[in-house]
């Protein structure tokens, strides 16, 4: 989770609030003939509660890549 602070100033008063973004990184690695090969890499940030979580986006995108790579519908 990423933490950042946003500050707003009005006259002599400054107000700060902490923002918490959900971040996600994922990768799929395949082993073939004793060697590791990166198949898929993913990064995402959820900045509002109205967006899907990064883990959901990772799964959706990986399924698309998997189906395309294996000629599935």
Protein backbone atom coordinates (compact mmCIF):
# COMPACT_ATOMS: atom_id res chain seq x y z
CA UNK A 1 0.00 0.00 0.00
CA UNK A 2 1.35 3.44 -0.91
CA UNK A 3 1.05 6.27 1.58
CA UNK A 4 1.13 9.93 0.62
CA UNK A 5 -0.01 13.16 2.19
CA UNK A 6 -1.98 15.92 0.53
CA UNK A 7 -1.86 19.36 2.11
CA UNK A 8 -4.10 22.31 1.34
CA UNK A 9 -3.51 25.82 2.59
CA UNK A 10 -6.04 28.57 3.12
CA UNK A 11 -4.77 31.76 4.73
CA UNK A 12 -2.97 30.82 7.94
CA UNK A 13 -4.42 27.29 8.13
CA UNK A 14 -2.94 24.19 6.50
CA UNK A 15 -4.84 20.91 6.45
CA UNK A 16 -3.19 17.59 5.70
CA UNK A 17 -4.76 14.24 4.98
CA UNK A 18 -3.23 10.89 4.24
CA UNK A 19 -4.07 9.07 1.02
CA UNK A 20 -3.77 5.29 0.82
CA UNK A 21 -3.54 3.79 -2.66
CA UNK A 22 -3.71 0.06 -3.19
CA UNK A 23 -0.87 -1.04 -5.41
CA UNK A 24 -0.33 -4.41 -7.00
CA UNK A 25 2.50 -6.11 -8.85
CA UNK A 26 2.29 -9.57 -10.31
CA UNK A 27 4.23 -11.81 -12.60
CA UNK A 28 3.87 -15.26 -14.06
CA UNK A 29 7.02 -17.30 -14.56
CA UNK A 30 7.15 -20.58 -16.47
CA UNK A 31 9.84 -23.20 -16.03
CA UNK A 32 10.92 -25.02 -19.17
CA UNK A 33 13.99 -27.21 -19.53
CA UNK A 34 15.30 -25.96 -16.20
CA UNK A 35 15.10 -22.28 -17.16
CA UNK A 36 12.74 -19.64 -15.83
CA UNK A 37 10.94 -17.49 -18.38
CA UNK A 38 8.83 -14.43 -17.63
CA UNK A 39 5.44 -15.01 -19.24
CA UNK A 40 3.48 -12.04 -17.93
CA UNK A 41 4.14 -8.96 -15.79
CA UNK A 42 1.54 -6.57 -14.36
CA UNK A 43 1.43 -3.36 -12.27
CA UNK A 44 -1.66 -1.43 -11.17
CA UNK A 45 -2.76 1.22 -8.67
CA UNK A 46 -6.25 1.66 -7.25
CA UNK A 47 -6.64 5.33 -6.44
CA UNK A 48 -10.39 5.47 -5.70
CA UNK A 49 -12.86 3.11 -4.04
CA UNK A 50 -14.82 3.02 -7.30
CA UNK A 51 -12.04 1.19 -9.19
CA UNK A 52 -11.47 -2.56 -9.13
CA UNK A 53 -8.69 -3.81 -6.88
CA UNK A 54 -5.31 -4.47 -8.53
CA UNK A 55 -5.61 -8.21 -7.83
CA UNK A 56 -8.90 -8.35 -9.78
CA UNK A 57 -7.35 -6.51 -12.71
CA UNK A 58 -4.34 -8.85 -12.66
CA UNK A 59 -6.56 -11.93 -12.90
CA UNK A 60 -8.71 -10.43 -15.69
CA UNK A 61 -5.69 -9.43 -17.77
CA UNK A 62 -3.88 -12.73 -17.24
CA UNK A 63 -6.93 -14.71 -18.36
CA UNK A 64 -7.04 -12.63 -21.57
CA UNK A 65 -3.33 -13.26 -22.23
CA UNK A 66 -3.67 -16.98 -21.42
CA UNK A 67 -6.64 -17.45 -23.76
CA UNK A 68 -4.92 -15.55 -26.57
CA UNK A 69 -1.72 -17.59 -26.16
CA UNK A 70 -3.58 -20.90 -26.16
CA UNK A 71 -6.12 -20.09 -28.93
CA UNK A 72 -9.08 -20.27 -26.54
CA UNK A 73 -12.24 -18.20 -26.72
